[in-house]
Structure formats: C-alpha cells, structure tokens
Amino acid sequence: MALQHFSTKDRILHAAEELFAEQGFATTSLRQVTSRADVNIAAVNYHFGSKDNLINEVFRRRMDEMSAQRLAALDQARAQHPGELEPILAAFIEPALAMARDRHGGGAFIRVIARAYAESNAGLRKFLSERYGHVLRSFAKAIAGCLPELGKDELYRRLDFLAGALTYAMADFGLIKCPPGTSEAAHRQRLAQSLIQFAAAGFRAAGP
C-alpha cells in the first residue's frame, strides 16, 4: 500500500499493522516500523510514546468503529426482534465480517488479531479487556435473555467459541474462501448466514 498520501500518524499505523501481521508483535522493532513508514523514530515517540501504545492504537483505530457498529446493531436487534437469538448473533458477526473485507488494510488486521491469539501479550490483553469488555458483556446479557437456562460459564465459553470461529471466517481461510465468480458482498452475506445458523445451534445445544 502506498503510504505517501497519508498523515504521518496514519503512515506509522499502516506500517505497524502490516509488520505486526507479517512478523508478530515481539519480533517487530520500532526501527522496522519507521523504515517502512518513511519517518524517524521521533515521530513514533511523538504520536505514540512507546511500542506498547502503538500496538494498542493499531487495535483501537479499527475496533472502536466495529464495536460501535456492533452495539448499534444489537440495540436495533433487541428493539425489532425481542427474544430472538439470530438477530443478536448477526449484530455480533456481520460488522466483523464487513471490517475484515475493508480494502484499506482489513485483511492485514485479521492477521494481527490472529497474532494476538497466538502471542502471550499481557498488556494487549489487558487493554482489549478494559476497552472492549463491555461489548462482550452486552452481547452475553442479550443472549442470556434468549437462553435463560444457559449458565453464565457455559455462555461465555460458547461466546469464546464463536469469537474463534468468526476470526477463522474473517481470515477467508481453508474451504471458505470467496469462490470464483462470486462477489465479495454475496460471499460475505452467505458466510454470515452460515455462521449465524451454526452459532445459534451451538448456543441452543444442551449443556455438557
């Protein structure tokens, strides 16, 4: 991606996102980021202060918008389809799939998310929990309203399973790649419908 027409801050974020996707957080150095962004180290220190803050900002700039879309869709689902599970799951799944197919780096960010799962970064996990934990709690509460017989621990366990399946789907991996001759929009819609049905069956399944 050509970065020259972006602001200095955005160029740093684009470069960091690409490098984190390629190499992971621990392996990527700030010097590599500045080299790819064509800026000096002072610019990184000015805008972000530290590598940890830069990592957090890479997540924040994409996840803030996605989280807002999810919560807005959740409010709409609960208002228009009270007590129905599938619209709640759609509110969680569809904004994430749309973000994944954003042509301005969405694919790279999905690989960054995969790195976050794979690498043990306590600071990042704390940041994500503090900033976005309320989103998960809102969905857990909504799902619990549809499935009052499902215990809290099992509910969160199944939400975790859904998050993993969603990340896999967002990566367009394995047998769920966009088929030739199918538009991105049609592929995303079909993928979302399949995952919603799959997740709904999983949430409604009898407990262990």
C-alpha atoms as a PDB file:
ATOM      1  CA  MET A   1       0.000   0.000   0.000  1.00  0.00           C
ATOM      2  CA  ALA A   2       1.388   3.417  -0.935  1.00  0.00           C
ATOM      3  CA  LEU A   3       1.634   5.485   2.236  1.00  0.00           C
ATOM      4  CA  GLN A   4       2.868   8.849   0.985  1.00  0.00           C
ATOM      5  CA  HIS A   5      -0.579  10.458   0.817  1.00  0.00           C
ATOM      6  CA  PHE A   6      -1.450   9.557   4.439  1.00  0.00           C
ATOM      7  CA  SER A   7      -0.660  11.653   7.514  1.00  0.00           C
ATOM      8  CA  THR A   8       2.468  10.763   9.468  1.00  0.00           C
ATOM      9  CA  LYS A   9       0.406   9.089  12.186  1.00  0.00           C
ATOM     10  CA  ASP A  10      -1.577   7.017   9.679  1.00  0.00           C
ATOM     11  CA  ARG A  11       1.575   6.005   7.838  1.00  0.00           C
ATOM     12  CA  ILE A  12       3.042   4.710  11.083  1.00  0.00           C
ATOM     13  CA  LEU A  13      -0.161   2.809  11.873  1.00  0.00           C
ATOM     14  CA  HIS A  14      -0.348   1.269   8.392  1.00  0.00           C
ATOM     15  CA  ALA A  15       3.288   0.198   8.557  1.00  0.00           C
ATOM     16  CA  ALA A  16       2.947  -1.195  12.070  1.00  0.00           C
ATOM     17  CA  GLU A  17      -0.191  -3.133  11.169  1.00  0.00           C
ATOM     18  CA  GLU A  18       1.498  -4.723   8.149  1.00  0.00           C
ATOM     19  CA  LEU A  19       4.620  -5.635  10.103  1.00  0.00           C
ATOM     20  CA  PHE A  20       2.693  -6.994  13.099  1.00  0.00           C
ATOM     21  CA  ALA A  21       0.669  -9.123  10.658  1.00  0.00           C
ATOM     22  CA  GLU A  22       3.825 -10.423   8.977  1.00  0.00           C
ATOM     23  CA  GLN A  23       6.141 -10.876  11.972  1.00  0.00           C
ATOM     24  CA  GLY A  24       4.183 -10.580  15.197  1.00  0.00           C
ATOM     25  CA  PHE A  25       4.492  -8.066  17.992  1.00  0.00           C
ATOM     26  CA  ALA A  26       7.630  -9.263  19.740  1.00  0.00           C
ATOM     27  CA  THR A  27       9.711  -9.609  16.569  1.00  0.00           C
ATOM     28  CA  THR A  28       8.779  -6.265  15.017  1.00  0.00           C
ATOM     29  CA  SER A  29      11.017  -3.369  16.054  1.00  0.00           C
ATOM     30  CA  LEU A  30      10.172   0.319  16.018  1.00  0.00           C
ATOM     31  CA  ARG A  31      13.070   0.830  13.623  1.00  0.00           C
ATOM     32  CA  GLN A  32      11.409  -1.509  11.133  1.00  0.00           C
ATOM     33  CA  VAL A  33       8.172   0.445  11.514  1.00  0.00           C
ATOM     34  CA  THR A  34       9.869   3.784  10.931  1.00  0.00           C
ATOM     35  CA  SER A  35      11.722   2.425   7.912  1.00  0.00           C
ATOM     36  CA  ARG A  36       8.549   1.155   6.262  1.00  0.00           C
ATOM     37  CA  ALA A  37       6.594   4.297   7.137  1.00  0.00           C
ATOM     38  CA  ASP A  38       9.488   6.504   5.996  1.00  0.00           C
ATOM     39  CA  VAL A  39       9.523   8.514   9.220  1.00  0.00           C
ATOM     40  CA  ASN A  40      12.049   8.967  12.018  1.00  0.00           C
ATOM     41  CA  ILE A  41      11.859   7.446  15.488  1.00  0.00           C
ATOM     42  CA  ALA A  42      10.931  10.817  16.969  1.00  0.00           C
ATOM     43  CA  ALA A  43       7.647  10.714  15.053  1.00  0.00           C
ATOM     44  CA  VAL A  44       6.716   7.399  16.681  1.00  0.00           C
ATOM     45  CA  ASN A  45       7.607   8.718  20.113  1.00  0.00           C
ATOM     46  CA  TYR A  46       5.615  11.908  19.487  1.00  0.00           C
ATOM     47  CA  HIS A  47       2.429  10.190  18.323  1.00  0.00           C
ATOM     48  CA  PHE A  48       2.504   7.023  20.448  1.00  0.00           C
ATOM     49  CA  GLY A  49       5.173   7.260  23.131  1.00  0.00           C
ATOM     50  CA  SER A  50       6.019   3.551  23.160  1.00  0.00           C
ATOM     51  CA  LYS A  51       5.724   0.342  21.188  1.00  0.00           C
ATOM     52  CA  ASP A  52       3.008  -0.925  23.531  1.00  0.00           C
ATOM     53  CA  ASN A  53       0.922   2.185  22.889  1.00  0.00           C
ATOM     54  CA  LEU A  54       1.458   1.759  19.153  1.00  0.00           C
ATOM     55  CA  ILE A  55       0.183  -1.834  19.347  1.00  0.00           C
ATOM     56  CA  ASN A  56      -2.886  -0.669  21.268  1.00  0.00           C
ATOM     57  CA  GLU A  57      -3.588   2.074  18.760  1.00  0.00           C
ATOM     58  CA  VAL A  58      -3.433  -0.379  15.839  1.00  0.00           C
ATOM     59  CA  PHE A  59      -6.312  -2.215  17.515  1.00  0.00           C
ATOM     60  CA  ARG A  60      -8.177   0.870  18.693  1.00  0.00           C
ATOM     61  CA  ARG A  61      -8.487   2.553  15.306  1.00  0.00           C
ATOM     62  CA  ARG A  62     -10.309  -0.455  13.834  1.00  0.00           C
ATOM     63  CA  MET A  63     -12.077  -1.929  16.837  1.00  0.00           C
ATOM     64  CA  ASP A  64     -13.630   1.305  18.102  1.00  0.00           C
ATOM     65  CA  GLU A  65     -15.704   1.616  14.940  1.00  0.00           C
ATOM     66  CA  MET A  66     -16.538  -2.085  14.775  1.00  0.00           C
ATOM     67  CA  SER A  67     -17.603  -2.111  18.427  1.00  0.00           C
ATOM     68  CA  ALA A  68     -19.858   0.907  17.903  1.00  0.00           C
ATOM     69  CA  GLN A  69     -21.453  -0.794  14.892  1.00  0.00           C
ATOM     70  CA  ARG A  70     -21.980  -3.989  16.866  1.00  0.00           C
ATOM     71  CA  LEU A  71     -23.676  -2.210  19.765  1.00  0.00           C
ATOM     72  CA  ALA A  72     -25.889  -0.152  17.443  1.00  0.00           C
ATOM     73  CA  ALA A  73     -26.917  -3.320  15.600  1.00  0.00           C
ATOM     74  CA  LEU A  74     -27.549  -5.061  18.930  1.00  0.00           C
ATOM     75  CA  ASP A  75     -29.859  -2.257  20.102  1.00  0.00           C
ATOM     76  CA  GLN A  76     -31.740  -2.485  16.813  1.00  0.00           C
ATOM     77  CA  ALA A  77     -31.997  -6.281  17.010  1.00  0.00           C
ATOM     78  CA  ARG A  78     -33.390  -6.202  20.541  1.00  0.00           C
ATOM     79  CA  ALA A  79     -35.884  -3.498  19.637  1.00  0.00           C
ATOM     80  CA  GLN A  80     -37.112  -5.070  16.408  1.00  0.00           C
ATOM     81  CA  HIS A  81     -36.773  -8.774  17.291  1.00  0.00           C
ATOM     82  CA  PRO A  82     -37.162  -9.110  21.071  1.00  0.00           C
ATOM     83  CA  GLY A  83     -36.262 -12.524  22.411  1.00  0.00           C
ATOM     84  CA  GLU A  84     -34.807 -13.755  19.094  1.00  0.00           C
ATOM     85  CA  LEU A  85     -31.282 -15.172  19.139  1.00  0.00           C
ATOM     86  CA  GLU A  86     -30.316 -14.986  15.445  1.00  0.00           C
ATOM     87  CA  PRO A  87     -30.574 -11.172  15.104  1.00  0.00           C
ATOM     88  CA  ILE A  88     -28.330 -10.798  18.158  1.00  0.00           C
ATOM     89  CA  LEU A  89     -25.744 -13.104  16.624  1.00  0.00           C
ATOM     90  CA  ALA A  90     -25.995 -11.198  13.336  1.00  0.00           C
ATOM     91  CA  ALA A  91     -25.230  -7.969  15.200  1.00  0.00           C
ATOM     92  CA  PHE A  92     -22.031  -9.570  16.509  1.00  0.00           C
ATOM     93  CA  ILE A  93     -20.947 -11.314  13.305  1.00  0.00           C
ATOM     94  CA  GLU A  94     -21.818  -9.010  10.405  1.00  0.00           C
ATOM     95  CA  PRO A  95     -19.831  -5.885  11.423  1.00  0.00           C
ATOM     96  CA  ALA A  96     -16.728  -8.028  11.942  1.00  0.00           C
ATOM     97  CA  LEU A  97     -17.002  -9.644   8.508  1.00  0.00           C
ATOM     98  CA  ALA A  98     -17.517  -6.222   6.915  1.00  0.00           C
ATOM     99  CA  MET A  99     -14.402  -4.899   8.643  1.00  0.00           C
ATOM    100  CA  ALA A 100     -12.383  -7.922   7.514  1.00  0.00           C
ATOM    101  CA  ARG A 101     -13.173  -7.145   3.892  1.00  0.00           C
ATOM    102  CA  ASP A 102     -12.287  -3.466   4.153  1.00  0.00           C
ATOM    103  CA  ARG A 103      -9.883  -2.917   1.260  1.00  0.00           C
ATOM    104  CA  HIS A 104      -7.863  -0.434   3.320  1.00  0.00           C
ATOM    105  CA  GLY A 105      -5.960  -2.976   5.377  1.00  0.00           C
ATOM    106  CA  GLY A 106      -8.787  -5.126   6.727  1.00  0.00           C
ATOM    107  CA  GLY A 107      -7.027  -8.327   5.707  1.00  0.00           C
ATOM    108  CA  ALA A 108      -3.817  -7.334   7.451  1.00  0.00           C
ATOM    109  CA  PHE A 109      -5.703  -6.525  10.637  1.00  0.00           C
ATOM    110  CA  ILE A 110      -7.233 -10.004  10.709  1.00  0.00           C
ATOM    111  CA  ARG A 111      -3.729 -11.453  10.735  1.00  0.00           C
ATOM    112  CA  VAL A 112      -2.899  -9.053  13.570  1.00  0.00           C
ATOM    113  CA  ILE A 113      -5.854 -10.449  15.526  1.00  0.00           C
ATOM    114  CA  ALA A 114      -4.538 -13.954  14.902  1.00  0.00           C
ATOM    115  CA  ARG A 115      -1.167 -12.839  16.281  1.00  0.00           C
ATOM    116  CA  ALA A 116      -2.904 -11.563  19.398  1.00  0.00           C
ATOM    117  CA  TYR A 117      -4.396 -15.034  19.935  1.00  0.00           C
ATOM    118  CA  ALA A 118      -1.060 -16.736  19.320  1.00  0.00           C
ATOM    119  CA  GLU A 119       1.283 -14.474  21.284  1.00  0.00           C
ATOM    120  CA  SER A 120       1.209 -14.001  25.033  1.00  0.00           C
ATOM    121  CA  ASN A 121       0.987 -10.210  25.408  1.00  0.00           C
ATOM    122  CA  ALA A 122      -0.468  -9.413  28.820  1.00  0.00           C
ATOM    123  CA  GLY A 123      -0.504  -5.669  28.196  1.00  0.00           C
ATOM    124  CA  LEU A 124      -2.503  -6.023  24.988  1.00  0.00           C
ATOM    125  CA  ARG A 125      -4.975  -8.440  26.544  1.00  0.00           C
ATOM    126  CA  LYS A 126      -5.493  -6.037  29.457  1.00  0.00           C
ATOM    127  CA  PHE A 127      -6.067  -3.141  27.031  1.00  0.00           C
ATOM    128  CA  LEU A 128      -8.577  -5.115  24.945  1.00  0.00           C
ATOM    129  CA  SER A 129     -10.424  -6.339  28.037  1.00  0.00           C
ATOM    130  CA  GLU A 130     -10.682  -2.871  29.555  1.00  0.00           C
ATOM    131  CA  ARG A 131     -11.660  -1.093  26.346  1.00  0.00           C
ATOM    132  CA  TYR A 132     -13.958  -3.674  24.723  1.00  0.00           C
ATOM    133  CA  GLY A 133     -15.054  -5.964  27.545  1.00  0.00           C
ATOM    134  CA  HIS A 134     -18.336  -4.056  27.814  1.00  0.00           C
ATOM    135  CA  VAL A 135     -19.192  -5.086  24.242  1.00  0.00           C
ATOM    136  CA  LEU A 136     -18.902  -8.781  25.055  1.00  0.00           C
ATOM    137  CA  ARG A 137     -20.871  -8.302  28.267  1.00  0.00           C
ATOM    138  CA  SER A 138     -23.670  -6.573  26.352  1.00  0.00           C
ATOM    139  CA  PHE A 139     -23.947  -9.492  23.935  1.00  0.00           C
ATOM    140  CA  ALA A 140     -23.728 -12.019  26.765  1.00  0.00           C
ATOM    141  CA  LYS A 141     -26.619 -10.289  28.534  1.00  0.00           C
ATOM    142  CA  ALA A 142     -28.695 -10.236  25.339  1.00  0.00           C
ATOM    143  CA  ILE A 143     -28.044 -13.914  24.613  1.00  0.00           C
ATOM    144  CA  ALA A 144     -28.806 -14.840  28.212  1.00  0.00           C
ATOM    145  CA  GLY A 145     -32.185 -13.167  27.795  1.00  0.00           C
ATOM    146  CA  CYS A 146     -32.924 -15.559  24.928  1.00  0.00           C
ATOM    147  CA  LEU A 147     -31.486 -18.639  26.670  1.00  0.00           C
ATOM    148  CA  PRO A 148     -32.101 -18.223  30.417  1.00  0.00           C
ATOM    149  CA  GLU A 149     -31.368 -21.911  31.028  1.00  0.00           C
ATOM    150  CA  LEU A 150     -27.759 -21.498  29.854  1.00  0.00           C
ATOM    151  CA  GLY A 151     -25.361 -20.992  32.755  1.00  0.00           C
ATOM    152  CA  LYS A 152     -23.024 -17.994  32.786  1.00  0.00           C
ATOM    153  CA  ASP A 153     -19.808 -20.005  32.479  1.00  0.00           C
ATOM    154  CA  GLU A 154     -21.148 -22.027  29.566  1.00  0.00           C
ATOM    155  CA  LEU A 155     -22.500 -18.885  27.901  1.00  0.00           C
ATOM    156  CA  TYR A 156     -19.094 -17.203  27.943  1.00  0.00           C
ATOM    157  CA  ARG A 157     -17.417 -20.425  26.825  1.00  0.00           C
ATOM    158  CA  ARG A 158     -19.682 -20.548  23.781  1.00  0.00           C
ATOM    159  CA  LEU A 159     -19.115 -16.871  23.087  1.00  0.00           C
ATOM    160  CA  ASP A 160     -15.406 -17.655  23.067  1.00  0.00           C
ATOM    161  CA  PHE A 161     -16.015 -20.455  20.574  1.00  0.00           C
ATOM    162  CA  LEU A 162     -17.983 -18.038  18.394  1.00  0.00           C
ATOM    163  CA  ALA A 163     -15.159 -15.483  18.501  1.00  0.00           C
ATOM    164  CA  GLY A 164     -12.700 -18.138  17.353  1.00  0.00           C
ATOM    165  CA  ALA A 165     -14.945 -19.321  14.514  1.00  0.00           C
ATOM    166  CA  LEU A 166     -15.556 -15.716  13.484  1.00  0.00           C
ATOM    167  CA  THR A 167     -11.828 -14.982  13.361  1.00  0.00           C
ATOM    168  CA  TYR A 168     -11.342 -18.025  11.141  1.00  0.00           C
ATOM    169  CA  ALA A 169     -14.160 -16.890   8.852  1.00  0.00           C
ATOM    170  CA  MET A 170     -12.795 -13.334   8.740  1.00  0.00           C
ATOM    171  CA  ALA A 171      -9.469 -14.704   7.518  1.00  0.00           C
ATOM    172  CA  ASP A 172     -11.173 -16.282   4.480  1.00  0.00           C
ATOM    173  CA  PHE A 173      -9.198 -19.433   5.224  1.00  0.00           C
ATOM    174  CA  GLY A 174      -9.491 -23.071   4.202  1.00  0.00           C
ATOM    175  CA  LEU A 175     -12.612 -24.077   2.294  1.00  0.00           C
ATOM    176  CA  ILE A 176     -14.497 -20.827   2.976  1.00  0.00           C
ATOM    177  CA  LYS A 177     -12.579 -18.612   0.567  1.00  0.00           C
ATOM    178  CA  CYS A 178     -14.605 -16.468  -1.797  1.00  0.00           C
ATOM    179  CA  PRO A 179     -15.474 -18.726  -4.782  1.00  0.00           C
ATOM    180  CA  PRO A 180     -14.539 -17.532  -8.279  1.00  0.00           C
ATOM    181  CA  GLY A 181     -17.334 -15.549  -9.880  1.00  0.00           C
ATOM    182  CA  THR A 182     -18.912 -14.618  -6.521  1.00  0.00           C
ATOM    183  CA  SER A 183     -18.939 -11.001  -5.426  1.00  0.00           C
ATOM    184  CA  GLU A 184     -17.393 -10.058  -2.077  1.00  0.00           C
ATOM    185  CA  ALA A 185     -20.767  -8.811  -0.855  1.00  0.00           C
ATOM    186  CA  ALA A 186     -22.545 -12.060  -1.761  1.00  0.00           C
ATOM    187  CA  HIS A 187     -19.766 -14.151  -0.233  1.00  0.00           C
ATOM    188  CA  ARG A 188     -19.850 -12.138   2.992  1.00  0.00           C
ATOM    189  CA  GLN A 189     -23.636 -12.422   3.231  1.00  0.00           C
ATOM    190  CA  ARG A 190     -23.581 -16.188   2.700  1.00  0.00           C
ATOM    191  CA  LEU A 191     -20.748 -16.591   5.180  1.00  0.00           C
ATOM    192  CA  ALA A 192     -22.583 -14.531   7.785  1.00  0.00           C
ATOM    193  CA  GLN A 193     -25.799 -16.528   7.366  1.00  0.00           C
ATOM    194  CA  SER A 194     -23.961 -19.838   7.704  1.00  0.00           C
ATOM    195  CA  LEU A 195     -22.087 -18.714  10.805  1.00  0.00           C
ATOM    196  CA  ILE A 196     -25.246 -17.300  12.411  1.00  0.00           C
ATOM    197  CA  GLN A 197     -27.038 -20.637  11.910  1.00  0.00           C
ATOM    198  CA  PHE A 198     -24.024 -22.583  13.177  1.00  0.00           C
ATOM    199  CA  ALA A 199     -23.656 -20.370  16.267  1.00  0.00           C
ATOM    200  CA  ALA A 200     -27.365 -20.412  17.052  1.00  0.00           C
ATOM    201  CA  ALA A 201     -27.364 -24.212  17.066  1.00  0.00           C
ATOM    202  CA  GLY A 202     -24.314 -24.205  19.305  1.00  0.00           C
ATOM    203  CA  PHE A 203     -25.835 -21.797  21.827  1.00  0.00           C
ATOM    204  CA  ARG A 204     -29.101 -23.747  21.905  1.00  0.00           C
ATOM    205  CA  ALA A 205     -27.385 -27.123  22.366  1.00  0.00           C
ATOM    206  CA  ALA A 206     -27.820 -28.912  25.681  1.00  0.00           C
ATOM    207  CA  GLY A 207     -25.114 -28.176  28.210  1.00  0.00           C
ATOM    208  CA  PRO A 208     -22.335 -30.661  28.968  1.00  0.00           C
END
